[in-house]
Amino acid sequence: MENVGMLETTLRDMNFWGQRPGLRDLPPVPVVELTGEEFGIGLRHAEIVNAANKHMRLLQKSAGLANADTGWLLRINKLSRKKIGDNIEQSDAELKSVAVIDQIARVAIAAERHADDRHANPDVLALFRLYAPMLLDSVLYRVRLTVKDYGDPRMLHALSALEIENAPLGTLPAYSGANALQQGQPTTGRSVSIRDLLQTAILENGRPYDI
């Protein structure tokens, strides 16, 4: 796999299926914060779509989004840009989160690895589900990233989807986690435990996470 510079990776064994071994023992995950007005104030849905698509176009030209947990660079291609940014079916919250997608990608934790049964793409070795907490306009959400692992260093890892799952998680914990990032890094300085982050989350097989 491609390694991202000085990031200290946590996930070292990629050879598993289903829930990640040792998931429940991982430290709390930093919360990414945004106001919801990063693209502008009082925008209509179509305007937010246009802004998200424009931002994704810029990221499409970059080397990729760094993920600290895996050490990967998550590449954005035309398909992922259209699905995540240029997609009127995405909710306002999902589209607004594109403004901080690089920060979400950085802190997201890989929780599951499963086969690409839906599309049966022979080039895709596996799909990974990564999760991160996001604070949007004082409401805490769980964001899920889907990443395609091609098992080929030339093709690398492609970010294929960004989704906000189910209902909002609730109120942000009123404490600063022991593993909060240093000042100047793009989070609130607060964190959410793996148990709280993945409550109500469902594995590909339809079962809840064992946390």
N, C-alpha and C. Protein backbone atom coordinates (compact mmCIF):
# COMPACT_ATOMS: atom_id res chain seq x y z
N MET A 1 0.83 -1.19 0.00
CA MET A 1 0.00 0.00 0.00
C MET A 1 0.87 1.25 0.00
N GLU A 2 0.32 2.35 -0.46
CA GLU A 2 1.07 3.59 -0.42
C GLU A 2 0.96 4.18 0.97
N ASN A 3 2.06 4.67 1.52
CA ASN A 3 2.06 5.21 2.86
C ASN A 3 2.13 6.72 2.81
N VAL A 4 1.40 7.38 3.68
CA VAL A 4 1.28 8.83 3.64
C VAL A 4 2.27 9.46 4.61
N GLY A 5 3.41 9.79 4.10
CA GLY A 5 4.39 10.58 4.81
C GLY A 5 4.62 10.20 6.25
N MET A 6 4.38 11.16 7.16
CA MET A 6 4.70 11.00 8.57
C MET A 6 3.53 10.48 9.40
N LEU A 7 2.40 10.13 8.76
CA LEU A 7 1.26 9.66 9.52
C LEU A 7 1.57 8.33 10.19
N GLU A 8 1.17 8.19 11.45
CA GLU A 8 1.36 6.94 12.17
C GLU A 8 0.12 6.08 11.98
N THR A 9 0.25 5.02 11.20
CA THR A 9 -0.91 4.20 10.88
C THR A 9 -1.27 3.27 12.04
N THR A 10 -2.55 2.94 12.14
CA THR A 10 -3.05 2.04 13.17
C THR A 10 -3.39 0.67 12.58
N LEU A 11 -3.99 0.66 11.40
CA LEU A 11 -4.40 -0.59 10.77
C LEU A 11 -3.23 -1.16 9.97
N ARG A 12 -2.64 -2.22 10.48
CA ARG A 12 -1.47 -2.80 9.83
C ARG A 12 -1.78 -4.13 9.15
N ASP A 13 -2.81 -4.83 9.61
CA ASP A 13 -3.19 -6.11 9.01
C ASP A 13 -4.46 -5.92 8.19
N MET A 14 -4.32 -5.96 6.86
CA MET A 14 -5.47 -5.77 5.97
C MET A 14 -6.14 -7.10 5.62
N ASN A 15 -5.61 -8.19 6.14
CA ASN A 15 -6.05 -9.51 5.72
C ASN A 15 -7.19 -10.01 6.60
N PHE A 16 -8.32 -9.37 6.59
CA PHE A 16 -9.48 -9.81 7.37
C PHE A 16 -10.74 -9.55 6.56
N TRP A 17 -11.83 -10.20 6.96
CA TRP A 17 -13.13 -9.96 6.35
C TRP A 17 -14.13 -9.66 7.45
N GLY A 18 -15.07 -8.78 7.16
CA GLY A 18 -16.06 -8.40 8.16
C GLY A 18 -15.51 -7.34 9.09
N GLN A 19 -15.94 -7.40 10.36
CA GLN A 19 -15.52 -6.39 11.33
C GLN A 19 -14.02 -6.46 11.57
N ARG A 20 -13.42 -5.32 11.69
CA ARG A 20 -11.98 -5.22 11.94
C ARG A 20 -11.62 -5.81 13.31
N PRO A 21 -10.66 -6.70 13.38
CA PRO A 21 -10.22 -7.23 14.67
C PRO A 21 -9.69 -6.11 15.57
N GLY A 22 -10.07 -6.16 16.84
CA GLY A 22 -9.60 -5.16 17.79
C GLY A 22 -10.27 -3.81 17.66
N LEU A 23 -11.36 -3.73 16.92
CA LEU A 23 -12.03 -2.45 16.68
C LEU A 23 -12.44 -1.77 17.99
N ARG A 24 -13.00 -2.55 18.90
CA ARG A 24 -13.52 -1.97 20.15
C ARG A 24 -12.42 -1.38 21.03
N ASP A 25 -11.17 -1.79 20.79
CA ASP A 25 -10.06 -1.33 21.62
C ASP A 25 -9.38 -0.08 21.09
N LEU A 26 -9.83 0.43 19.96
CA LEU A 26 -9.20 1.62 19.38
C LEU A 26 -9.52 2.85 20.22
N PRO A 27 -8.64 3.84 20.21
CA PRO A 27 -8.88 5.07 20.98
C PRO A 27 -10.00 5.89 20.38
N PRO A 28 -10.52 6.86 21.12
CA PRO A 28 -11.58 7.73 20.59
C PRO A 28 -11.16 8.42 19.30
N VAL A 29 -12.15 8.76 18.48
CA VAL A 29 -11.90 9.36 17.17
C VAL A 29 -12.16 10.87 17.24
N PRO A 30 -11.22 11.69 16.78
CA PRO A 30 -11.41 13.14 16.82
C PRO A 30 -12.63 13.58 16.01
N VAL A 31 -13.30 14.61 16.49
CA VAL A 31 -14.50 15.15 15.84
C VAL A 31 -14.11 16.27 14.88
N VAL A 32 -14.59 16.18 13.65
CA VAL A 32 -14.38 17.24 12.66
C VAL A 32 -15.56 18.21 12.73
N GLU A 33 -15.29 19.49 12.74
CA GLU A 33 -16.34 20.50 12.93
C GLU A 33 -16.47 21.40 11.71
N LEU A 34 -17.71 21.76 11.38
CA LEU A 34 -17.97 22.77 10.36
C LEU A 34 -19.26 23.50 10.70
N THR A 35 -19.39 24.70 10.18
CA THR A 35 -20.58 25.51 10.47
C THR A 35 -21.73 25.21 9.53
N GLY A 36 -21.41 24.68 8.35
CA GLY A 36 -22.42 24.48 7.31
C GLY A 36 -22.49 25.64 6.35
N GLU A 37 -21.69 26.67 6.61
CA GLU A 37 -21.69 27.85 5.74
C GLU A 37 -20.36 28.01 4.99
N GLU A 38 -19.57 26.94 4.95
CA GLU A 38 -18.27 27.00 4.29
C GLU A 38 -18.39 27.30 2.81
N PHE A 39 -19.47 26.85 2.17
CA PHE A 39 -19.69 27.12 0.75
C PHE A 39 -20.47 28.42 0.53
N GLY A 40 -21.00 29.00 1.59
CA GLY A 40 -21.79 30.22 1.47
C GLY A 40 -22.98 30.19 2.42
N ILE A 41 -23.61 31.33 2.60
CA ILE A 41 -24.73 31.47 3.54
C ILE A 41 -26.06 31.45 2.78
N GLY A 42 -27.01 30.66 3.29
CA GLY A 42 -28.36 30.64 2.72
C GLY A 42 -28.45 30.06 1.33
N LEU A 43 -27.57 29.11 0.99
CA LEU A 43 -27.59 28.53 -0.34
C LEU A 43 -28.76 27.56 -0.51
N ARG A 44 -29.33 27.53 -1.70
CA ARG A 44 -30.34 26.52 -2.04
C ARG A 44 -29.63 25.20 -2.32
N HIS A 45 -30.43 24.12 -2.35
CA HIS A 45 -29.85 22.79 -2.52
C HIS A 45 -29.01 22.70 -3.80
N ALA A 46 -29.55 23.21 -4.89
CA ALA A 46 -28.83 23.13 -6.17
C ALA A 46 -27.52 23.90 -6.11
N GLU A 47 -27.50 24.99 -5.36
CA GLU A 47 -26.28 25.79 -5.23
C GLU A 47 -25.23 25.05 -4.40
N ILE A 48 -25.70 24.31 -3.39
CA ILE A 48 -24.77 23.53 -2.58
C ILE A 48 -24.18 22.40 -3.42
N VAL A 49 -25.01 21.79 -4.27
CA VAL A 49 -24.52 20.75 -5.19
C VAL A 49 -23.41 21.31 -6.07
N ASN A 50 -23.64 22.47 -6.64
CA ASN A 50 -22.64 23.09 -7.52
C ASN A 50 -21.35 23.38 -6.76
N ALA A 51 -21.47 23.88 -5.54
CA ALA A 51 -20.29 24.20 -4.74
C ALA A 51 -19.52 22.93 -4.37
N ALA A 52 -20.25 21.88 -3.99
CA ALA A 52 -19.61 20.62 -3.64
C ALA A 52 -18.90 20.01 -4.84
N ASN A 53 -19.55 20.07 -5.99
CA ASN A 53 -18.95 19.54 -7.21
C ASN A 53 -17.68 20.30 -7.57
N LYS A 54 -17.72 21.61 -7.43
CA LYS A 54 -16.54 22.44 -7.73
C LYS A 54 -15.38 22.07 -6.82
N HIS A 55 -15.68 21.87 -5.54
CA HIS A 55 -14.63 21.51 -4.58
C HIS A 55 -14.07 20.12 -4.89
N MET A 56 -14.94 19.19 -5.26
CA MET A 56 -14.49 17.84 -5.60
C MET A 56 -13.64 17.85 -6.86
N ARG A 57 -13.94 18.73 -7.79
CA ARG A 57 -13.11 18.85 -9.00
C ARG A 57 -11.68 19.24 -8.64
N LEU A 58 -11.54 20.15 -7.70
CA LEU A 58 -10.21 20.56 -7.26
C LEU A 58 -9.48 19.39 -6.60
N LEU A 59 -10.18 18.66 -5.75
CA LEU A 59 -9.57 17.53 -5.07
C LEU A 59 -9.24 16.40 -6.04
N GLN A 60 -10.02 16.31 -7.12
CA GLN A 60 -9.77 15.28 -8.13
C GLN A 60 -8.39 15.45 -8.77
N LYS A 61 -7.91 16.67 -8.79
CA LYS A 61 -6.60 16.96 -9.38
C LYS A 61 -5.45 16.76 -8.40
N SER A 62 -5.79 16.50 -7.14
CA SER A 62 -4.77 16.35 -6.11
C SER A 62 -4.24 14.92 -6.06
N ALA A 63 -3.24 14.70 -5.23
CA ALA A 63 -2.66 13.36 -5.07
C ALA A 63 -3.61 12.43 -4.34
N GLY A 64 -4.56 13.00 -3.59
CA GLY A 64 -5.49 12.18 -2.83
C GLY A 64 -5.64 12.71 -1.41
N LEU A 65 -6.57 12.13 -0.66
CA LEU A 65 -6.85 12.53 0.71
C LEU A 65 -6.16 11.56 1.66
N ALA A 66 -5.35 12.08 2.56
CA ALA A 66 -4.59 11.24 3.48
C ALA A 66 -5.49 10.67 4.57
N ASN A 67 -5.32 9.38 4.86
CA ASN A 67 -6.02 8.73 5.97
C ASN A 67 -4.99 8.21 6.96
N ALA A 68 -5.07 8.70 8.20
CA ALA A 68 -4.06 8.36 9.20
C ALA A 68 -4.14 6.90 9.64
N ASP A 69 -5.34 6.34 9.69
CA ASP A 69 -5.52 4.98 10.20
C ASP A 69 -4.85 3.95 9.30
N THR A 70 -5.03 4.07 8.00
CA THR A 70 -4.50 3.09 7.05
C THR A 70 -3.17 3.51 6.44
N GLY A 71 -2.89 4.81 6.42
CA GLY A 71 -1.72 5.31 5.72
C GLY A 71 -1.95 5.47 4.24
N TRP A 72 -3.20 5.35 3.81
CA TRP A 72 -3.52 5.45 2.38
C TRP A 72 -3.74 6.89 1.94
N LEU A 73 -3.56 7.09 0.64
CA LEU A 73 -4.08 8.28 -0.03
C LEU A 73 -5.36 7.85 -0.74
N LEU A 74 -6.47 8.45 -0.39
CA LEU A 74 -7.76 8.10 -0.98
C LEU A 74 -7.97 8.95 -2.22
N ARG A 75 -7.92 8.31 -3.38
CA ARG A 75 -8.00 9.04 -4.64
C ARG A 75 -9.45 9.35 -4.99
N ILE A 76 -9.64 10.48 -5.63
CA ILE A 76 -10.96 10.89 -6.12
C ILE A 76 -10.94 10.87 -7.63
N ASN A 77 -11.83 10.08 -8.22
CA ASN A 77 -11.93 10.01 -9.68
C ASN A 77 -13.26 10.62 -10.13
N LYS A 78 -13.52 10.53 -11.41
CA LYS A 78 -14.73 11.15 -11.95
C LYS A 78 -15.99 10.55 -11.35
N LEU A 79 -16.01 9.22 -11.19
CA LEU A 79 -17.19 8.57 -10.64
C LEU A 79 -17.45 9.00 -9.20
N SER A 80 -16.40 9.05 -8.39
CA SER A 80 -16.59 9.45 -7.00
C SER A 80 -16.97 10.92 -6.89
N ARG A 81 -16.42 11.75 -7.77
CA ARG A 81 -16.80 13.17 -7.76
C ARG A 81 -18.28 13.34 -8.05
N LYS A 82 -18.79 12.62 -9.04
CA LYS A 82 -20.20 12.75 -9.40
C LYS A 82 -21.11 12.16 -8.33
N LYS A 83 -20.67 11.10 -7.67
CA LYS A 83 -21.50 10.47 -6.65
C LYS A 83 -21.53 11.27 -5.35
N ILE A 84 -20.39 11.85 -5.00
CA ILE A 84 -20.29 12.57 -3.73
C ILE A 84 -20.65 14.04 -3.85
N GLY A 85 -20.19 14.68 -4.94
CA GLY A 85 -20.39 16.11 -5.09
C GLY A 85 -21.49 16.50 -6.05
N ASP A 86 -21.40 16.03 -7.28
CA ASP A 86 -22.36 16.41 -8.33
C ASP A 86 -23.56 15.47 -8.31
N ASN A 87 -24.28 15.47 -7.19
CA ASN A 87 -25.36 14.51 -6.99
C ASN A 87 -26.49 15.18 -6.21
N ILE A 88 -27.56 15.49 -6.91
CA ILE A 88 -28.68 16.20 -6.29
C ILE A 88 -29.41 15.35 -5.25
N GLU A 89 -29.18 14.02 -5.27
CA GLU A 89 -29.83 13.13 -4.31
C GLU A 89 -29.12 13.13 -2.96
N GLN A 90 -27.91 13.66 -2.90
CA GLN A 90 -27.24 13.78 -1.61
C GLN A 90 -27.98 14.81 -0.74
N SER A 91 -28.00 14.58 0.55
CA SER A 91 -28.65 15.52 1.47
C SER A 91 -27.81 16.78 1.61
N ASP A 92 -28.42 17.83 2.13
CA ASP A 92 -27.67 19.07 2.37
C ASP A 92 -26.48 18.81 3.28
N ALA A 93 -26.69 18.00 4.33
CA ALA A 93 -25.61 17.72 5.28
C ALA A 93 -24.46 16.99 4.59
N GLU A 94 -24.78 16.02 3.74
CA GLU A 94 -23.74 15.28 3.03
C GLU A 94 -22.97 16.19 2.09
N LEU A 95 -23.67 17.06 1.39
CA LEU A 95 -23.02 17.98 0.46
C LEU A 95 -22.17 19.01 1.20
N LYS A 96 -22.67 19.52 2.30
CA LYS A 96 -21.91 20.50 3.08
C LYS A 96 -20.64 19.89 3.66
N SER A 97 -20.70 18.60 3.98
CA SER A 97 -19.53 17.94 4.56
C SER A 97 -18.38 17.83 3.56
N VAL A 98 -18.67 17.98 2.27
CA VAL A 98 -17.62 17.94 1.26
C VAL A 98 -16.60 19.05 1.50
N ALA A 99 -17.02 20.14 2.11
CA ALA A 99 -16.12 21.25 2.40
C ALA A 99 -14.97 20.84 3.31
N VAL A 100 -15.19 19.80 4.13
CA VAL A 100 -14.15 19.33 5.05
C VAL A 100 -13.85 17.86 4.82
N ILE A 101 -14.06 17.38 3.60
CA ILE A 101 -13.88 15.96 3.32
C ILE A 101 -12.44 15.53 3.53
N ASP A 102 -11.49 16.43 3.34
CA ASP A 102 -10.09 16.07 3.58
C ASP A 102 -9.85 15.81 5.06
N GLN A 103 -10.51 16.59 5.92
CA GLN A 103 -10.37 16.39 7.36
C GLN A 103 -11.07 15.11 7.82
N ILE A 104 -12.25 14.86 7.24
CA ILE A 104 -12.99 13.63 7.56
C ILE A 104 -12.17 12.42 7.15
N ALA A 105 -11.60 12.47 5.96
CA ALA A 105 -10.78 11.36 5.46
C ALA A 105 -9.58 11.12 6.36
N ARG A 106 -9.00 12.17 6.88
CA ARG A 106 -7.80 12.03 7.70
C ARG A 106 -8.08 11.27 9.00
N VAL A 107 -9.19 11.57 9.68
CA VAL A 107 -9.43 10.99 11.00
C VAL A 107 -10.26 9.71 10.95
N ALA A 108 -10.88 9.40 9.81
CA ALA A 108 -11.79 8.25 9.72
C ALA A 108 -11.08 6.94 10.05
N ILE A 109 -11.81 6.06 10.74
CA ILE A 109 -11.28 4.77 11.18
C ILE A 109 -11.88 3.65 10.33
N ALA A 110 -11.03 2.77 9.82
CA ALA A 110 -11.50 1.61 9.06
C ALA A 110 -12.15 0.62 10.01
N ALA A 111 -13.42 0.29 9.76
CA ALA A 111 -14.16 -0.58 10.68
C ALA A 111 -14.53 -1.92 10.06
N GLU A 112 -14.59 -1.98 8.72
CA GLU A 112 -15.05 -3.21 8.07
C GLU A 112 -14.39 -3.37 6.70
N ARG A 113 -14.18 -4.62 6.33
CA ARG A 113 -13.69 -4.96 4.99
C ARG A 113 -14.60 -6.05 4.44
N HIS A 114 -15.13 -5.83 3.24
CA HIS A 114 -16.01 -6.84 2.65
C HIS A 114 -15.83 -6.89 1.14
N ALA A 115 -16.33 -7.95 0.54
CA ALA A 115 -16.20 -8.13 -0.91
C ALA A 115 -17.15 -7.20 -1.66
N ASP A 116 -16.82 -6.94 -2.91
CA ASP A 116 -17.67 -6.09 -3.76
C ASP A 116 -18.75 -6.95 -4.40
N ASP A 117 -19.62 -7.51 -3.57
CA ASP A 117 -20.65 -8.42 -4.07
C ASP A 117 -21.67 -7.71 -4.95
N ARG A 118 -21.95 -6.45 -4.67
CA ARG A 118 -22.99 -5.73 -5.40
C ARG A 118 -22.62 -5.53 -6.86
N HIS A 119 -21.36 -5.17 -7.12
CA HIS A 119 -20.94 -4.90 -8.49
C HIS A 119 -20.08 -6.01 -9.08
N ALA A 120 -19.56 -6.87 -8.22
CA ALA A 120 -18.73 -8.00 -8.67
C ALA A 120 -17.63 -7.54 -9.62
N ASN A 121 -16.99 -6.44 -9.27
CA ASN A 121 -15.89 -5.92 -10.09
C ASN A 121 -14.64 -6.74 -9.83
N PRO A 122 -14.14 -7.47 -10.82
CA PRO A 122 -12.97 -8.33 -10.59
C PRO A 122 -11.71 -7.56 -10.26
N ASP A 123 -11.69 -6.27 -10.57
CA ASP A 123 -10.50 -5.45 -10.28
C ASP A 123 -10.46 -4.96 -8.84
N VAL A 124 -11.60 -5.03 -8.15
CA VAL A 124 -11.68 -4.55 -6.77
C VAL A 124 -11.43 -5.71 -5.82
N LEU A 125 -10.34 -5.60 -5.06
CA LEU A 125 -9.99 -6.65 -4.11
C LEU A 125 -10.96 -6.69 -2.94
N ALA A 126 -11.34 -5.50 -2.44
CA ALA A 126 -12.25 -5.41 -1.30
C ALA A 126 -12.75 -3.98 -1.17
N LEU A 127 -13.82 -3.83 -0.40
CA LEU A 127 -14.34 -2.52 -0.03
C LEU A 127 -14.11 -2.31 1.47
N PHE A 128 -13.67 -1.14 1.83
CA PHE A 128 -13.50 -0.78 3.23
C PHE A 128 -14.53 0.27 3.62
N ARG A 129 -15.07 0.14 4.82
CA ARG A 129 -15.95 1.16 5.39
C ARG A 129 -15.19 1.88 6.49
N LEU A 130 -15.08 3.18 6.34
CA LEU A 130 -14.40 4.02 7.32
C LEU A 130 -15.41 4.99 7.93
N TYR A 131 -15.27 5.26 9.22
CA TYR A 131 -16.23 6.12 9.91
C TYR A 131 -15.52 7.27 10.64
N ALA A 132 -16.21 8.41 10.68
CA ALA A 132 -15.70 9.57 11.41
C ALA A 132 -16.87 10.36 11.99
N PRO A 133 -16.69 10.97 13.17
CA PRO A 133 -17.72 11.85 13.73
C PRO A 133 -17.57 13.26 13.17
N MET A 134 -18.69 13.89 12.87
CA MET A 134 -18.67 15.24 12.31
C MET A 134 -19.70 16.11 13.03
N LEU A 135 -19.27 17.29 13.43
CA LEU A 135 -20.15 18.24 14.11
C LEU A 135 -20.56 19.31 13.11
N LEU A 136 -21.83 19.29 12.70
CA LEU A 136 -22.35 20.25 11.73
C LEU A 136 -23.42 21.10 12.39
N ASP A 137 -23.15 22.39 12.50
CA ASP A 137 -24.11 23.31 13.12
C ASP A 137 -24.57 22.80 14.48
N SER A 138 -23.59 22.36 15.29
CA SER A 138 -23.80 21.92 16.67
C SER A 138 -24.53 20.58 16.80
N VAL A 139 -24.68 19.84 15.71
CA VAL A 139 -25.28 18.50 15.76
C VAL A 139 -24.23 17.49 15.33
N LEU A 140 -24.10 16.40 16.09
CA LEU A 140 -23.10 15.39 15.81
C LEU A 140 -23.65 14.31 14.88
N TYR A 141 -22.89 14.00 13.84
CA TYR A 141 -23.27 12.99 12.85
C TYR A 141 -22.18 11.93 12.74
N ARG A 142 -22.58 10.77 12.21
CA ARG A 142 -21.62 9.73 11.85
C ARG A 142 -21.49 9.71 10.33
N VAL A 143 -20.28 9.92 9.84
CA VAL A 143 -20.03 9.92 8.40
C VAL A 143 -19.37 8.60 8.01
N ARG A 144 -19.87 7.99 6.95
CA ARG A 144 -19.28 6.74 6.45
C ARG A 144 -18.64 6.98 5.09
N LEU A 145 -17.39 6.60 4.98
CA LEU A 145 -16.68 6.64 3.71
C LEU A 145 -16.52 5.21 3.19
N THR A 146 -16.76 5.01 1.92
CA THR A 146 -16.52 3.72 1.28
C THR A 146 -15.31 3.85 0.38
N VAL A 147 -14.35 2.94 0.57
CA VAL A 147 -13.09 3.00 -0.17
C VAL A 147 -12.88 1.68 -0.91
N LYS A 148 -12.57 1.79 -2.19
CA LYS A 148 -12.27 0.61 -3.00
C LYS A 148 -10.78 0.31 -2.93
N ASP A 149 -10.46 -0.92 -2.55
CA ASP A 149 -9.07 -1.37 -2.51
C ASP A 149 -8.83 -2.26 -3.72
N TYR A 150 -7.99 -1.77 -4.63
CA TYR A 150 -7.73 -2.51 -5.86
C TYR A 150 -6.61 -3.54 -5.69
N GLY A 151 -5.92 -3.51 -4.56
CA GLY A 151 -4.85 -4.47 -4.36
C GLY A 151 -3.72 -4.32 -5.34
N ASP A 152 -3.62 -3.16 -5.96
CA ASP A 152 -2.61 -2.88 -6.98
C ASP A 152 -2.03 -1.51 -6.69
N PRO A 153 -0.74 -1.41 -6.39
CA PRO A 153 -0.15 -0.11 -6.05
C PRO A 153 -0.26 0.92 -7.16
N ARG A 154 -0.48 0.47 -8.39
CA ARG A 154 -0.62 1.43 -9.49
C ARG A 154 -2.02 2.06 -9.49
N MET A 155 -3.01 1.33 -8.97
CA MET A 155 -4.39 1.82 -8.97
C MET A 155 -4.76 2.44 -7.62
N LEU A 156 -4.03 2.03 -6.57
CA LEU A 156 -4.20 2.63 -5.26
C LEU A 156 -5.61 2.44 -4.70
N HIS A 157 -6.07 3.40 -3.93
CA HIS A 157 -7.35 3.27 -3.23
C HIS A 157 -8.26 4.43 -3.63
N ALA A 158 -9.47 4.10 -4.03
CA ALA A 158 -10.40 5.11 -4.54
C ALA A 158 -11.52 5.34 -3.53
N LEU A 159 -11.75 6.60 -3.20
CA LEU A 159 -12.90 6.98 -2.37
C LEU A 159 -14.13 6.96 -3.25
N SER A 160 -15.09 6.09 -2.94
CA SER A 160 -16.23 5.92 -3.84
C SER A 160 -17.53 6.49 -3.29
N ALA A 161 -17.63 6.73 -1.98
CA ALA A 161 -18.89 7.25 -1.44
C ALA A 161 -18.67 7.94 -0.11
N LEU A 162 -19.51 8.94 0.17
CA LEU A 162 -19.59 9.61 1.47
C LEU A 162 -21.06 9.65 1.84
N GLU A 163 -21.39 9.09 3.00
CA GLU A 163 -22.78 9.03 3.43
C GLU A 163 -22.89 9.37 4.91
N ILE A 164 -23.96 10.06 5.28
CA ILE A 164 -24.30 10.26 6.68
C ILE A 164 -25.36 9.23 7.02
N GLU A 165 -25.01 8.32 7.92
CA GLU A 165 -25.88 7.18 8.19
C GLU A 165 -26.97 7.49 9.22
N ASN A 166 -28.17 7.02 8.92
CA ASN A 166 -29.27 7.05 9.87
C ASN A 166 -29.50 8.43 10.47
N ALA A 167 -29.95 8.47 11.71
CA ALA A 167 -30.24 9.74 12.38
C ALA A 167 -28.95 10.31 12.96
N PRO A 168 -28.94 11.61 13.26
CA PRO A 168 -27.78 12.21 13.93
C PRO A 168 -27.47 11.48 15.23
N LEU A 169 -26.21 11.46 15.60
CA LEU A 169 -25.80 10.76 16.81
C LEU A 169 -26.33 11.43 18.07
N GLY A 170 -26.54 12.73 18.03
CA GLY A 170 -27.01 13.42 19.22
C GLY A 170 -26.10 14.56 19.61
N THR A 171 -26.07 14.86 20.89
CA THR A 171 -25.31 16.00 21.39
C THR A 171 -23.84 15.65 21.54
N LEU A 172 -22.97 16.56 21.17
CA LEU A 172 -21.54 16.35 21.30
C LEU A 172 -21.16 16.19 22.76
N PRO A 173 -20.35 15.18 23.10
CA PRO A 173 -19.90 15.01 24.48
C PRO A 173 -19.21 16.27 24.98
N ALA A 174 -19.49 16.66 26.22
CA ALA A 174 -18.94 17.90 26.77
C ALA A 174 -17.61 17.64 27.46
N TYR A 175 -16.70 16.98 26.74
CA TYR A 175 -15.37 16.74 27.30
C TYR A 175 -14.37 16.71 26.17
N SER A 176 -13.13 16.89 26.53
CA SER A 176 -12.05 16.83 25.56
C SER A 176 -11.37 15.50 25.72
N GLY A 177 -11.37 14.68 24.67
CA GLY A 177 -10.81 13.34 24.75
C GLY A 177 -9.32 13.35 25.01
N ALA A 178 -8.84 12.27 25.64
CA ALA A 178 -7.42 12.18 25.95
C ALA A 178 -6.57 12.12 24.70
N ASN A 179 -7.18 11.70 23.60
CA ASN A 179 -6.44 11.57 22.35
C ASN A 179 -6.75 12.70 21.38
N ALA A 180 -7.23 13.83 21.89
CA ALA A 180 -7.53 14.96 21.02
C ALA A 180 -6.27 15.42 20.30
N LEU A 181 -6.46 15.93 19.07
CA LEU A 181 -5.32 16.37 18.28
C LEU A 181 -4.74 17.66 18.85
N GLN A 182 -3.50 17.93 18.48
CA GLN A 182 -2.83 19.13 18.94
C GLN A 182 -3.48 20.37 18.34
N GLN A 183 -3.29 21.51 19.00
CA GLN A 183 -3.85 22.77 18.53
C GLN A 183 -3.36 23.06 17.12
N GLY A 184 -4.26 23.55 16.28
CA GLY A 184 -3.89 23.87 14.90
C GLY A 184 -4.33 22.81 13.93
N GLN A 185 -4.72 21.63 14.43
CA GLN A 185 -5.22 20.59 13.54
C GLN A 185 -6.73 20.72 13.44
N PRO A 186 -7.32 20.25 12.33
CA PRO A 186 -8.71 20.59 11.99
C PRO A 186 -9.77 19.76 12.70
N THR A 187 -9.83 19.80 14.03
CA THR A 187 -10.92 19.16 14.75
C THR A 187 -11.33 20.06 15.90
N THR A 188 -12.36 19.65 16.61
CA THR A 188 -12.86 20.45 17.73
C THR A 188 -12.00 20.29 18.97
N GLY A 189 -11.05 19.36 18.97
CA GLY A 189 -10.31 19.04 20.18
C GLY A 189 -11.06 18.04 21.03
N ARG A 190 -12.23 17.62 20.58
CA ARG A 190 -13.03 16.61 21.28
C ARG A 190 -13.00 15.32 20.48
N SER A 191 -13.41 14.25 21.12
CA SER A 191 -13.40 12.96 20.44
C SER A 191 -14.59 12.12 20.88
N VAL A 192 -14.87 11.09 20.10
CA VAL A 192 -16.00 10.20 20.36
C VAL A 192 -15.47 8.77 20.41
N SER A 193 -15.92 8.00 21.38
CA SER A 193 -15.47 6.62 21.50
C SER A 193 -15.97 5.78 20.33
N ILE A 194 -15.27 4.69 20.07
CA ILE A 194 -15.69 3.78 19.00
C ILE A 194 -17.10 3.26 19.27
N ARG A 195 -17.40 2.95 20.53
CA ARG A 195 -18.73 2.45 20.87
C ARG A 195 -19.82 3.47 20.53
N ASP A 196 -19.60 4.72 20.90
CA ASP A 196 -20.59 5.76 20.62
C ASP A 196 -20.68 6.06 19.13
N LEU A 197 -19.53 6.04 18.45
CA LEU A 197 -19.51 6.34 17.03
C LEU A 197 -20.29 5.31 16.22
N LEU A 198 -20.15 4.03 16.59
CA LEU A 198 -20.73 2.96 15.77
C LEU A 198 -22.03 2.41 16.32
N GLN A 199 -22.61 3.06 17.33
CA GLN A 199 -23.91 2.59 17.79
C GLN A 199 -24.92 2.73 16.65
N THR A 200 -25.69 1.72 16.42
CA THR A 200 -26.70 1.59 15.35
C THR A 200 -26.08 1.37 13.97
N ALA A 201 -24.76 1.40 13.83
CA ALA A 201 -24.15 1.12 12.52
C ALA A 201 -24.28 -0.37 12.22
N ILE A 202 -24.40 -0.68 10.93
CA ILE A 202 -24.65 -2.06 10.51
C ILE A 202 -23.55 -2.52 9.55
N LEU A 203 -23.10 -3.76 9.75
CA LEU A 203 -22.13 -4.37 8.85
C LEU A 203 -22.80 -4.73 7.52
N GLU A 204 -21.99 -5.06 6.53
CA GLU A 204 -22.51 -5.43 5.22
C GLU A 204 -23.45 -6.63 5.31
N ASN A 205 -23.20 -7.54 6.27
CA ASN A 205 -24.04 -8.73 6.41
C ASN A 205 -25.34 -8.47 7.16
N GLY A 206 -25.59 -7.20 7.52
CA GLY A 206 -26.84 -6.84 8.19
C GLY A 206 -26.80 -6.90 9.70
N ARG A 207 -25.68 -7.31 10.26
CA ARG A 207 -25.56 -7.41 11.71
C ARG A 207 -24.93 -6.14 12.29
N PRO A 208 -25.22 -5.86 13.56
CA PRO A 208 -24.58 -4.70 14.20
C PRO A 208 -23.13 -5.00 14.52
N TYR A 209 -22.36 -3.94 14.72
CA TYR A 209 -20.97 -4.12 15.13
C TYR A 209 -20.91 -4.69 16.55
N ASP A 210 -19.97 -5.57 16.79
CA ASP A 210 -19.77 -6.17 18.11
C ASP A 210 -18.81 -5.29 18.89
N ILE A 211 -19.36 -4.26 19.53
CA ILE A 211 -18.54 -3.32 20.28
C ILE A 211 -19.08 -3.15 21.70
